[in-house]
Protein backbone atom coordinates (compact mmCIF):
# COMPACT_ATOMS: atom_id res chain seq x y z
CA UNK A 1 -22.18 -55.88 -41.97
CA UNK A 2 -19.83 -57.91 -44.12
CA UNK A 3 -17.40 -56.07 -46.43
CA UNK A 4 -17.98 -55.85 -50.14
CA UNK A 5 -16.77 -58.92 -52.01
CA UNK A 6 -15.98 -59.46 -55.71
CA UNK A 7 -19.53 -59.73 -57.16
CA UNK A 8 -20.88 -57.10 -54.79
CA UNK A 9 -18.24 -54.62 -55.94
CA UNK A 10 -19.07 -55.23 -59.59
CA UNK A 11 -22.74 -54.38 -58.98
CA UNK A 12 -21.87 -51.15 -57.20
CA UNK A 13 -21.15 -49.29 -60.41
CA UNK A 14 -24.87 -48.99 -61.10
CA UNK A 15 -25.68 -47.76 -57.62
CA UNK A 16 -23.90 -44.47 -58.20
CA UNK A 17 -26.49 -43.57 -60.86
CA UNK A 18 -29.42 -44.46 -58.61
CA UNK A 19 -28.28 -42.63 -55.50
CA UNK A 20 -27.79 -38.91 -55.45
CA UNK A 21 -25.82 -38.52 -52.24
CA UNK A 22 -22.63 -36.73 -51.32
CA UNK A 23 -19.65 -39.00 -51.97
CA UNK A 24 -15.87 -38.96 -51.90
CA UNK A 25 -13.38 -40.80 -54.08
CA UNK A 26 -10.62 -43.13 -52.87
CA UNK A 27 -7.77 -44.36 -55.06
CA UNK A 28 -6.63 -47.67 -53.66
CA UNK A 29 -4.82 -50.88 -54.48
CA UNK A 30 -7.50 -53.09 -52.92
CA UNK A 31 -11.22 -52.44 -53.40
CA UNK A 32 -12.20 -54.98 -50.73
CA UNK A 33 -9.85 -53.60 -48.07
CA UNK A 34 -10.75 -49.98 -48.82
CA UNK A 35 -14.46 -50.82 -48.65
CA UNK A 36 -14.03 -52.56 -45.31
CA UNK A 37 -12.03 -49.65 -43.87
CA UNK A 38 -14.63 -47.19 -45.17
CA UNK A 39 -17.38 -49.09 -43.36
CA UNK A 40 -15.37 -49.45 -40.15
CA UNK A 41 -12.84 -46.66 -39.78
CA UNK A 42 -10.29 -47.79 -37.16
CA UNK A 43 -9.98 -45.66 -34.02
CA UNK A 44 -6.28 -45.25 -33.28
CA UNK A 45 -6.78 -44.82 -29.52
CA UNK A 46 -9.50 -47.39 -28.93
CA UNK A 47 -8.89 -49.98 -26.17
CA UNK A 48 -8.33 -52.77 -28.70
CA UNK A 49 -5.78 -50.71 -30.64
CA UNK A 50 -3.96 -49.74 -27.44
CA UNK A 51 -3.69 -53.42 -26.50
CA UNK A 52 -2.37 -54.15 -29.99
CA UNK A 53 0.26 -51.40 -29.63
CA UNK A 54 1.56 -53.07 -26.46
CA UNK A 55 1.90 -56.42 -28.24
CA UNK A 56 3.58 -54.76 -31.21
CA UNK A 57 5.96 -52.88 -28.89
CA UNK A 58 7.17 -56.04 -27.18
CA UNK A 59 7.48 -57.77 -30.55
CA UNK A 60 9.62 -54.91 -31.86
CA UNK A 61 12.16 -55.61 -29.12
CA UNK A 62 13.18 -58.81 -30.94
CA UNK A 63 14.72 -56.60 -33.61
CA UNK A 64 16.96 -54.80 -31.10
CA UNK A 65 19.21 -57.84 -30.66
CA UNK A 66 20.97 -57.60 -34.02
CA UNK A 67 21.21 -53.81 -33.79
CA UNK A 68 22.76 -54.01 -30.34
CA UNK A 69 25.39 -56.49 -31.46
CA UNK A 70 26.26 -54.45 -34.53
CA UNK A 71 27.11 -51.37 -32.45
CA UNK A 72 28.54 -53.37 -29.55
CA UNK A 73 31.27 -55.14 -31.49
CA UNK A 74 32.33 -52.07 -33.42
CA UNK A 75 32.65 -50.18 -30.12
CA UNK A 76 34.30 -52.69 -27.78
CA UNK A 77 36.75 -53.67 -30.52
CA UNK A 78 38.20 -50.15 -30.14
CA UNK A 79 38.44 -50.44 -26.31
CA UNK A 80 41.87 -50.98 -24.73
CA UNK A 81 40.49 -53.20 -21.89
CA UNK A 82 38.90 -55.52 -24.47
CA UNK A 83 42.11 -55.70 -26.49
CA UNK A 84 44.15 -56.35 -23.36
CA UNK A 85 41.81 -59.10 -22.10
CA UNK A 86 42.16 -61.15 -25.28
CA UNK A 87 45.50 -59.93 -26.61
CA UNK A 88 44.05 -58.20 -29.68
CA UNK A 89 44.94 -55.02 -31.51
CA UNK A 90 41.59 -54.07 -33.10
CA UNK A 91 42.36 -55.71 -36.46
CA UNK A 92 43.63 -58.96 -37.95
CA UNK A 93 42.06 -62.31 -38.68
CA UNK A 94 41.09 -63.07 -35.06
CA UNK A 95 39.07 -59.86 -34.89
CA UNK A 96 37.38 -60.83 -38.14
CA UNK A 97 36.42 -64.22 -36.66
CA UNK A 98 34.97 -62.54 -33.57
CA UNK A 99 32.75 -60.39 -35.77
CA UNK A 100 31.72 -63.12 -38.19
CA UNK A 101 31.04 -65.94 -35.70
CA UNK A 102 27.76 -64.20 -34.79
CA UNK A 103 26.66 -64.45 -38.43
CA UNK A 104 27.85 -68.06 -38.63
CA UNK A 105 25.62 -68.89 -35.66
CA UNK A 106 22.70 -67.31 -37.50
CA UNK A 107 23.44 -69.29 -40.66
CA UNK A 108 23.63 -72.59 -38.76
CA UNK A 109 20.24 -71.89 -37.15
CA UNK A 110 18.46 -71.76 -40.53
CA UNK A 111 17.10 -75.36 -40.61
CA UNK A 112 15.51 -74.89 -37.18
CA UNK A 113 13.71 -71.59 -37.88
CA UNK A 114 10.80 -72.94 -39.90
CA UNK A 115 10.74 -76.15 -37.88
CA UNK A 116 9.96 -74.25 -34.68
CA UNK A 117 7.97 -71.27 -35.98
CA UNK A 118 5.66 -73.30 -38.23
CA UNK A 119 5.49 -76.39 -36.03
CA UNK A 120 5.13 -74.90 -32.54
CA UNK A 121 3.99 -71.39 -33.33
CA UNK A 122 5.47 -67.91 -33.61
CA UNK A 123 5.48 -67.27 -29.85
CA UNK A 124 7.40 -70.41 -28.93
CA UNK A 125 9.98 -69.66 -31.60
CA UNK A 126 10.54 -66.17 -30.18
CA UNK A 127 10.67 -67.55 -26.62
CA UNK A 128 13.28 -70.21 -27.45
CA UNK A 129 15.40 -67.74 -29.43
CA UNK A 130 15.46 -65.21 -26.56
CA UNK A 131 16.35 -67.96 -24.09
CA UNK A 132 19.35 -68.93 -26.22
CA UNK A 133 20.41 -65.27 -26.40
CA UNK A 134 20.48 -65.14 -22.59
CA UNK A 135 22.65 -68.27 -22.51
CA UNK A 136 25.02 -66.84 -25.13
CA UNK A 137 25.28 -63.55 -23.26
CA UNK A 138 26.25 -65.37 -20.06
CA UNK A 139 28.99 -67.28 -21.89
CA UNK A 140 30.29 -64.19 -23.67
CA UNK A 141 30.14 -61.79 -20.73
CA UNK A 142 32.09 -64.07 -18.38
CA UNK A 143 34.84 -64.94 -20.87
CA UNK A 144 38.55 -64.54 -20.12
CA UNK A 145 39.71 -66.65 -23.05
CA UNK A 146 39.07 -65.85 -26.68
CA UNK A 147 37.60 -69.31 -27.34
CA UNK A 148 34.86 -68.84 -24.74
CA UNK A 149 34.05 -65.37 -26.08
CA UNK A 150 33.74 -66.72 -29.63
CA UNK A 151 31.57 -69.61 -28.39
CA UNK A 152 29.25 -67.19 -26.61
CA UNK A 153 28.87 -65.11 -29.73
CA UNK A 154 28.00 -68.23 -31.74
CA UNK A 155 25.16 -69.09 -29.32
CA UNK A 156 24.07 -65.44 -29.36
CA UNK A 157 23.81 -65.42 -33.14
CA UNK A 158 22.03 -68.78 -33.20
CA UNK A 159 19.40 -67.63 -30.71
CA UNK A 160 18.92 -64.19 -32.25
CA UNK A 161 18.25 -65.78 -35.64
CA UNK A 162 15.68 -68.19 -34.19
CA UNK A 163 13.78 -65.31 -32.57
CA UNK A 164 14.16 -63.09 -35.63
CA UNK A 165 12.71 -65.73 -37.96
CA UNK A 166 9.40 -65.56 -36.11
CA UNK A 167 9.45 -61.94 -34.91
CA UNK A 168 8.64 -60.19 -38.21
CA UNK A 169 6.12 -62.89 -39.19
CA UNK A 170 4.34 -62.50 -35.85
CA UNK A 171 4.18 -58.71 -36.19
CA UNK A 172 3.01 -58.58 -39.82
CA UNK A 173 0.39 -61.31 -39.27
CA UNK A 174 -1.09 -59.56 -36.23
CA UNK A 175 -0.81 -55.94 -37.44
CA UNK A 176 -3.99 -54.05 -38.28
CA UNK A 177 -4.51 -54.30 -42.07
CA UNK A 178 -5.22 -50.57 -42.45
CA UNK A 179 -1.87 -49.67 -40.86
CA UNK A 180 0.29 -52.67 -41.66
CA UNK A 181 3.06 -50.57 -43.21
CA UNK A 182 3.51 -48.35 -40.17
CA UNK A 183 2.95 -51.08 -37.58
CA UNK A 184 5.09 -53.78 -39.16
CA UNK A 185 7.60 -51.35 -40.67
CA UNK A 186 8.40 -50.14 -37.18
CA UNK A 187 9.73 -53.62 -36.32
CA UNK A 188 13.06 -53.27 -38.09
CA UNK A 189 13.39 -49.67 -36.87
CA UNK A 190 14.03 -51.07 -33.42
CA UNK A 191 17.31 -52.36 -34.80
CA UNK A 192 18.37 -48.77 -34.20
CA UNK A 193 17.06 -48.83 -30.62
CA UNK A 194 19.45 -51.70 -29.89
CA UNK A 195 22.18 -49.88 -31.78
CA UNK A 196 21.62 -46.67 -29.78
CA UNK A 197 21.50 -48.50 -26.45
CA UNK A 198 24.77 -50.30 -27.21
CA UNK A 199 26.43 -47.12 -28.49
CA UNK A 200 25.70 -45.07 -25.40
CA UNK A 201 26.44 -47.97 -23.02
CA UNK A 202 29.88 -48.53 -24.54
CA UNK A 203 30.57 -44.80 -24.61
CA UNK A 204 29.76 -44.52 -20.90
CA UNK A 205 31.70 -47.59 -19.78
CA UNK A 206 34.78 -46.73 -21.84
CA UNK A 207 34.75 -43.20 -20.42
CA UNK A 208 34.37 -44.23 -16.78
CA UNK A 209 35.76 -47.78 -16.39
CA UNK A 210 39.35 -48.86 -16.99
CA UNK A 211 39.03 -52.57 -16.15
CA UNK A 212 37.57 -55.39 -18.24
CA UNK A 213 34.13 -54.35 -17.00
CA UNK A 214 34.32 -51.58 -19.61
CA UNK A 215 33.38 -54.22 -22.20
CA UNK A 216 31.66 -56.75 -19.90
CA UNK A 217 28.94 -54.35 -18.75
CA UNK A 218 27.66 -53.75 -22.32
CA UNK A 219 27.58 -57.49 -22.95
CA UNK A 220 25.49 -57.96 -19.79
CA UNK A 221 23.15 -55.15 -20.88
CA UNK A 222 22.77 -57.07 -24.14
CA UNK A 223 20.67 -59.62 -22.24
CA UNK A 224 18.18 -57.10 -20.85
CA UNK A 225 15.82 -56.69 -23.80
CA UNK A 226 15.60 -60.41 -24.72
CA UNK A 227 14.75 -61.05 -21.07
CA UNK A 228 11.77 -58.67 -21.31
CA UNK A 229 10.52 -60.43 -24.46
CA UNK A 230 11.04 -63.83 -22.84
CA UNK A 231 8.85 -62.90 -19.88
CA UNK A 232 6.02 -61.32 -21.91
CA UNK A 233 5.65 -63.21 -25.19
CA UNK A 234 3.76 -66.27 -23.94
CA UNK A 235 1.04 -64.06 -22.44
CA UNK A 236 0.22 -62.63 -25.89
CA UNK A 237 -2.07 -64.15 -28.55
CA UNK A 238 -0.71 -66.46 -31.20
CA UNK A 239 -0.71 -65.38 -34.83
CA UNK A 240 -4.29 -65.87 -36.14
CA UNK A 241 -2.94 -66.91 -39.53
CA UNK A 242 -0.86 -69.65 -37.91
CA UNK A 243 -3.93 -70.78 -35.96
CA UNK A 244 -6.07 -71.06 -39.11
CA UNK A 245 -3.36 -73.08 -40.83
CA UNK A 246 -3.45 -75.45 -37.85
CA UNK A 247 -7.26 -75.87 -37.92
CA UNK A 248 -7.91 -73.54 -34.98
CA UNK A 249 -10.14 -71.09 -36.84
CA UNK A 250 -12.39 -70.15 -33.93
CA UNK A 251 -9.43 -68.96 -31.88
CA UNK A 252 -8.17 -66.95 -34.85
CA UNK A 253 -11.56 -65.27 -35.36
CA UNK A 254 -11.70 -64.32 -31.69
CA UNK A 255 -8.24 -62.73 -31.91
CA UNK A 256 -9.16 -60.77 -35.03
CA UNK A 257 -12.35 -59.59 -33.35
CA UNK A 258 -10.55 -58.50 -30.20
CA UNK A 259 -7.72 -56.57 -31.87
CA UNK A 260 -9.11 -55.53 -35.28
CA UNK A 261 -12.88 -55.40 -34.78
CA UNK A 262 -13.46 -53.71 -31.41
CA UNK A 263 -14.73 -57.06 -30.11
CA UNK A 264 -17.16 -57.66 -32.98
CA UNK A 265 -16.48 -60.89 -34.93
CA UNK A 266 -18.85 -59.71 -37.69
CA UNK A 267 -17.09 -56.41 -38.34
CA UNK A 268 -16.12 -55.84 -42.01
CA UNK A 269 -12.36 -55.89 -41.41
CA UNK A 270 -12.53 -59.05 -39.31
CA UNK A 271 -14.69 -60.93 -41.78
CA UNK A 272 -12.61 -59.81 -44.77
CA UNK A 273 -9.38 -61.12 -43.26
CA UNK A 274 -10.94 -64.26 -41.84
CA UNK A 275 -12.60 -65.28 -45.12
CA UNK A 276 -9.51 -64.55 -47.21
CA UNK A 277 -7.21 -66.56 -44.92
CA UNK A 278 -9.58 -69.53 -44.76
CA UNK A 279 -10.07 -69.48 -48.54
CA UNK A 280 -6.33 -69.19 -49.11
CA UNK A 281 -5.68 -72.06 -46.68
CA UNK A 282 -8.10 -74.42 -48.43
CA UNK A 283 -6.99 -73.34 -51.92
CA UNK A 284 -3.29 -73.99 -51.36
CA UNK A 285 -3.42 -76.69 -48.70
CA UNK A 286 -0.37 -78.86 -49.12
CA UNK A 287 -0.15 -82.34 -47.66
CA UNK A 288 3.63 -82.11 -47.49
CA UNK A 289 4.92 -81.59 -43.94
CA UNK A 290 5.42 -77.98 -42.84
CA UNK A 291 9.17 -78.52 -42.59
CA UNK A 292 9.43 -79.29 -46.33
CA UNK A 293 11.32 -76.33 -47.83
CA UNK A 294 10.66 -77.29 -51.44
CA UNK A 295 7.42 -75.31 -51.44
CA UNK A 296 9.50 -72.12 -51.33
CA UNK A 297 10.38 -72.69 -54.99
CA UNK A 298 8.03 -75.31 -56.46
CA UNK A 299 5.94 -72.89 -58.58
CA UNK A 300 6.64 -69.80 -60.69
CA UNK A 301 4.82 -67.61 -58.16
CA UNK A 302 6.79 -69.13 -55.28
CA UNK A 303 10.07 -68.49 -57.08
CA UNK A 304 9.13 -64.87 -57.71
CA UNK A 305 8.30 -64.47 -54.01
CA UNK A 306 11.62 -66.07 -53.14
CA UNK A 307 13.47 -63.71 -55.48
CA UNK A 308 11.98 -60.74 -53.58
CA UNK A 309 13.12 -62.24 -50.27
CA UNK A 310 16.66 -62.94 -51.46
CA UNK A 311 16.85 -59.54 -53.13
CA UNK A 312 15.98 -57.75 -49.90
CA UNK A 313 18.51 -59.87 -48.01
CA UNK A 314 21.38 -58.69 -50.18
CA UNK A 315 20.12 -55.19 -50.95
CA UNK A 316 19.67 -54.50 -47.25
CA UNK A 317 23.33 -55.35 -46.57
CA UNK A 318 25.17 -54.46 -49.78
CA UNK A 319 24.15 -50.82 -49.99
CA UNK A 320 27.15 -49.57 -48.03
CA UNK A 321 25.27 -49.47 -44.73
CA UNK A 322 27.40 -52.13 -43.04
CA UNK A 323 30.50 -50.10 -43.77
CA UNK A 324 29.07 -47.48 -41.44
CA UNK A 325 27.55 -49.86 -38.87
CA UNK A 326 30.53 -52.10 -38.17
CA UNK A 327 33.53 -49.93 -38.94
CA UNK A 328 32.38 -46.44 -38.04
CA UNK A 329 35.07 -45.88 -35.33
CA UNK A 330 37.82 -46.95 -37.76
CA UNK A 331 36.42 -44.74 -40.51
CA UNK A 332 36.30 -41.81 -38.12
CA UNK A 333 39.93 -42.47 -37.12
CA UNK A 334 40.92 -42.58 -40.80
CA UNK A 335 39.23 -39.20 -41.14
CA UNK A 336 41.69 -37.76 -38.61
CA UNK A 337 39.68 -38.08 -35.38
CA UNK A 338 41.94 -40.15 -33.12
CA UNK A 339 40.51 -39.77 -29.60
CA UNK A 340 38.71 -43.04 -28.68
CA UNK A 341 36.04 -41.26 -26.64
CA UNK A 342 35.27 -38.88 -29.50
CA UNK A 343 35.04 -41.85 -31.86
CA UNK A 344 32.61 -43.62 -29.54
CA UNK A 345 30.57 -40.43 -29.08
CA UNK A 346 30.15 -40.12 -32.85
CA UNK A 347 29.26 -43.82 -32.94
CA UNK A 348 26.59 -43.22 -30.29
CA UNK A 349 25.03 -40.10 -31.85
CA UNK A 350 24.79 -41.37 -35.44
CA UNK A 351 22.05 -44.00 -34.89
CA UNK A 352 19.77 -41.48 -33.15
CA UNK A 353 19.39 -39.57 -36.41
CA UNK A 354 18.94 -42.82 -38.34
CA UNK A 355 16.30 -44.05 -35.92
CA UNK A 356 14.28 -40.84 -36.23
CA UNK A 357 14.49 -41.07 -40.02
CA UNK A 358 13.41 -44.73 -39.93
CA UNK A 359 10.39 -43.92 -37.75
CA UNK A 360 9.31 -41.23 -40.20
CA UNK A 361 9.88 -43.71 -43.03
CA UNK A 362 7.58 -46.27 -41.40
CA UNK A 363 4.88 -43.63 -41.05
CA UNK A 364 5.19 -42.86 -44.77
CA UNK A 365 5.03 -46.48 -45.96
CA UNK A 366 1.25 -46.83 -46.34
CA UNK A 367 0.92 -43.42 -47.99
CA UNK A 368 3.91 -43.45 -50.37
CA UNK A 369 4.16 -47.19 -51.03
CA UNK A 370 7.04 -49.65 -50.72
CA UNK A 371 8.65 -49.16 -54.14
CA UNK A 372 8.96 -45.34 -54.06
CA UNK A 373 10.41 -45.51 -50.54
CA UNK A 374 13.09 -47.99 -51.58
CA UNK A 375 13.98 -46.11 -54.75
CA UNK A 376 14.24 -42.62 -53.26
CA UNK A 377 16.02 -43.91 -50.15
CA UNK A 378 18.66 -45.57 -52.31
CA UNK A 379 19.10 -42.49 -54.51
CA UNK A 380 19.89 -40.40 -51.43
CA UNK A 381 22.17 -43.11 -50.05
CA UNK A 382 24.06 -43.28 -53.35
CA UNK A 383 24.73 -39.54 -53.38
CA UNK A 384 26.11 -39.43 -49.84
CA UNK A 385 28.05 -42.69 -50.20
CA UNK A 386 29.89 -41.17 -53.17
CA UNK A 387 30.71 -38.11 -51.06
CA UNK A 388 31.75 -40.32 -48.12
CA UNK A 389 34.13 -42.31 -50.31
CA UNK A 390 35.64 -39.16 -51.81
CA UNK A 391 36.11 -37.38 -48.49
CA UNK A 392 37.71 -40.43 -46.87
CA UNK A 393 40.16 -40.86 -49.74
CA UNK A 394 41.30 -37.22 -49.63
CA UNK A 395 41.40 -36.65 -45.86
CA UNK A 396 45.07 -37.64 -45.61
CA UNK A 397 45.95 -34.75 -47.94
CA UNK A 398 43.29 -32.32 -46.70
CA UNK A 399 42.58 -32.90 -42.95
CA UNK A 400 39.64 -30.48 -42.90
CA UNK A 401 37.71 -32.89 -45.12
CA UNK A 402 37.32 -35.15 -42.08
CA UNK A 403 34.27 -33.08 -41.15
CA UNK A 404 32.81 -33.83 -44.58
CA UNK A 405 33.30 -37.51 -43.85
CA UNK A 406 31.31 -37.28 -40.61
CA UNK A 407 28.48 -35.30 -42.23
CA UNK A 408 28.32 -37.75 -45.15
CA UNK A 409 28.16 -40.71 -42.74
CA UNK A 410 25.24 -39.13 -40.91
CA UNK A 411 23.33 -38.15 -44.07
CA UNK A 412 23.92 -41.54 -45.68
CA UNK A 413 22.47 -43.19 -42.58
CA UNK A 414 19.44 -40.90 -42.59
CA UNK A 415 18.61 -41.61 -46.25
CA UNK A 416 19.06 -45.35 -45.95
CA UNK A 417 17.12 -45.52 -42.68
CA UNK A 418 14.20 -43.53 -44.11
CA UNK A 419 13.80 -45.52 -47.30
CA UNK A 420 15.07 -48.99 -46.50
CA UNK A 421 15.24 -49.78 -42.78
CA UNK A 422 11.45 -50.15 -42.24
CA UNK A 423 11.26 -52.45 -45.26
CA UNK A 424 14.20 -54.79 -44.67
CA UNK A 425 12.09 -57.33 -42.81
CA UNK A 426 8.57 -56.09 -43.61
CA UNK A 427 8.87 -56.45 -47.38
CA UNK A 428 10.24 -59.99 -47.23
CA UNK A 429 7.52 -61.30 -44.90
CA UNK A 430 4.81 -59.52 -46.91
CA UNK A 431 5.99 -61.23 -50.09
CA UNK A 432 5.82 -64.67 -48.50
CA UNK A 433 2.63 -66.71 -48.21
CA UNK A 434 1.11 -67.69 -44.87
CA UNK A 435 2.33 -71.27 -45.11
CA UNK A 436 5.90 -70.37 -46.07
CA UNK A 437 6.33 -67.11 -44.13
CA UNK A 438 8.39 -68.45 -41.23
CA UNK A 439 10.55 -70.71 -43.42
CA UNK A 440 11.09 -67.89 -45.87
CA UNK A 441 11.90 -65.47 -43.07
CA UNK A 442 14.55 -67.91 -41.85
CA UNK A 443 15.91 -68.11 -45.39
CA UNK A 444 15.94 -64.32 -45.48
CA UNK A 445 18.24 -64.28 -42.45
CA UNK A 446 20.40 -67.01 -43.97
CA UNK A 447 21.14 -64.93 -47.08
CA UNK A 448 21.31 -61.75 -45.03
CA UNK A 449 24.12 -63.18 -42.94
CA UNK A 450 25.94 -64.52 -45.98
CA UNK A 451 25.80 -60.97 -47.33
CA UNK A 452 27.17 -59.60 -44.04
CA UNK A 453 30.08 -62.06 -44.05
CA UNK A 454 30.99 -61.07 -47.61
CA UNK A 455 30.66 -57.44 -46.53
CA UNK A 456 32.95 -57.81 -43.55
CA UNK A 457 35.81 -59.33 -45.53
CA UNK A 458 35.15 -57.07 -48.52
CA UNK A 459 35.41 -53.94 -46.40
CA UNK A 460 38.58 -55.20 -44.73
CA UNK A 461 40.36 -55.59 -48.08
CA UNK A 462 39.24 -52.17 -49.27
CA UNK A 463 36.48 -52.71 -51.85
CA UNK A 464 34.23 -49.98 -50.44
CA UNK A 465 33.99 -48.24 -53.81
CA UNK A 466 32.30 -51.32 -55.35
CA UNK A 467 29.14 -50.47 -53.40
CA UNK A 468 28.60 -47.36 -55.53
CA UNK A 469 28.10 -49.47 -58.65
CA UNK A 470 26.05 -52.03 -56.76
CA UNK A 471 23.56 -49.42 -55.49
CA UNK A 472 22.93 -48.44 -59.12
CA UNK A 473 22.23 -52.11 -59.93
CA UNK A 474 19.81 -52.28 -56.99
CA UNK A 475 17.89 -49.24 -58.26
CA UNK A 476 17.44 -50.83 -61.69
CA UNK A 477 16.29 -54.19 -60.30
CA UNK A 478 13.84 -52.63 -57.85
CA UNK A 479 12.32 -50.40 -60.51
CA UNK A 480 11.73 -53.18 -63.04
CA UNK A 481 11.00 -56.24 -60.89
CA UNK A 482 10.01 -55.46 -57.29
CA UNK A 483 6.27 -55.57 -56.59
CA UNK A 484 4.20 -53.04 -54.64
CA UNK A 485 2.66 -54.59 -51.52
CA UNK A 486 1.06 -51.50 -49.93
CA UNK A 487 -2.71 -51.18 -49.65
CA UNK A 488 -3.52 -54.88 -49.93
CA UNK A 489 -4.20 -57.65 -47.45
CA UNK A 490 -1.53 -60.33 -47.22
CA UNK A 491 -3.80 -62.82 -48.93
CA UNK A 492 -4.51 -60.49 -51.88
CA UNK A 493 -0.83 -60.56 -52.76
CA UNK A 494 -1.30 -64.11 -54.07
CA UNK A 495 -3.06 -62.71 -57.15
CA UNK A 496 -0.11 -60.39 -57.80
CA UNK A 497 2.53 -63.11 -57.79
CA UNK A 498 0.44 -65.36 -60.02
CA UNK A 499 0.04 -62.60 -62.64
CA UNK A 500 2.11 -62.77 -65.88
CA UNK A 501 3.91 -59.56 -64.86
CA UNK A 502 3.76 -59.29 -61.04
CA UNK A 503 5.46 -55.89 -60.86
CA UNK A 504 3.07 -54.33 -63.35
CA UNK A 505 0.02 -55.98 -61.81
CA UNK A 506 1.00 -54.79 -58.33
CA UNK A 507 0.89 -51.10 -59.31
CA UNK A 508 -2.72 -51.20 -60.57
CA UNK A 509 -5.18 -48.93 -58.78
CA UNK A 510 -8.96 -48.84 -58.49
CA UNK A 511 -11.17 -45.85 -57.71
CA UNK A 512 -13.93 -46.19 -55.12
CA UNK A 513 -16.80 -43.77 -54.65
CA UNK A 514 -17.86 -43.85 -51.01
CA UNK A 515 -20.69 -42.14 -49.12
CA UNK A 516 -20.18 -40.39 -45.79
CA UNK A 517 -21.57 -43.49 -44.06
CA UNK A 518 -18.91 -45.71 -45.66
CA UNK A 519 -21.13 -47.33 -48.29
CA UNK A 520 -19.36 -48.00 -51.60
CA UNK A 521 -21.53 -46.78 -54.51
CA UNK A 522 -19.04 -46.94 -57.38
CA UNK A 523 -15.85 -48.68 -58.43
CA UNK A 524 -13.67 -48.34 -61.52
CA UNK A 525 -10.13 -48.96 -62.71
CA UNK A 526 -7.88 -45.89 -62.72
CA UNK A 527 -4.42 -46.50 -64.12
CA UNK A 528 -1.61 -48.99 -64.27
CA UNK A 529 1.96 -47.82 -63.63
């Protein structure tokens, strides 16, 4: 049975008066999606869903690469063997270059992201990116000269960005529409898995190894997860949305049926997605080549989408979180905790709490919505960042306040991870159209890395307090301009961005009256936030 479409839903109002059956009411952002889900309630442990979980799980591993490097460099920079190998002291301009060269590699990769992901497919883009990460790891891990180490980090960043441009797009385009928030939101949470793995690896090697292998072993471990993705990704299905946009609709329908319809190509959820994607493809088909980036900003709707992407790029990095991620050992030392092993232990424990908070945040996304999660997560982050700044400033005069610094770091991380981590990549790829998703995702990483570079130098010259004011600015901009993407199919978001006031239009709700068998017998508008 096909899901209810526009005219069908309009006629359903009268059915409620004709049928005297037990019904329940559903407040939803999308009448069509809610009707399809009501007719075909997904079974979370069905064979097709279990297969989809495996694909999602391997796709999530792409996100670990940036998280691993974030923790890795902060940790090995504090190691004596690392400093002795390259003649460093943990600070200075050379150390800054070592950190930033990874981001420069990611920036340089930008023109190739859309070229590969849109031209060859999401899987090939992920495969090539992971292969480059393995090459970069080999160069970095075997280095005895600072130039080779920097060169390896450049290749690492280049490859990680290539894979990361396609990773979120692949996940969000293949995720089940009823659980897209949880499934796709979990992608960026695996940033913390990489961070945790690096933190505990560096803690163990620094504690037990006194030679240069104390820092080489973690850099070798860095290659493990990309290797797993490299081996698996080409055995998985391609993104059905990419297939439809390359005139391979039958393959796309088969994939939707296998993973979203329990094998039935005529199931309501399968037909809803398939029809919407095909209609969207024909409605906005552009004869310009897929590597033409002008379509990211050639209409008002496209520019609004782009503003959401750029906003998330900077908001996700300029909320004080990189202060904690990159310079946690130094901040702990400034708080009066001088033992390197204790510093690394704190560095290793912190992301565990953040990861757990981020997982819970992803679970909440479909229920609470994207906007409330961002707003409340930032409010909590603001409170604890203020406390963190105050405790750090006064620790020199009151040593006992060092414990307040540690607690504030942990609580800041928990708040930010709950409200923002699941959305940092999900929200950007949701806001982008099917045709521009990979290019826009690459642009997202371009601006993200520009933000990180500014962060790194800004932190080093002591402008940490500026982030307090900036978080307030973020809260205002999100409240007044950011759209709500929860509860809608990716294709339905087109209507939102073409509305006169996208933010206001995105918060509209409809009320469905549904029978126990899943038949929709009534539909009406509820409210507009």
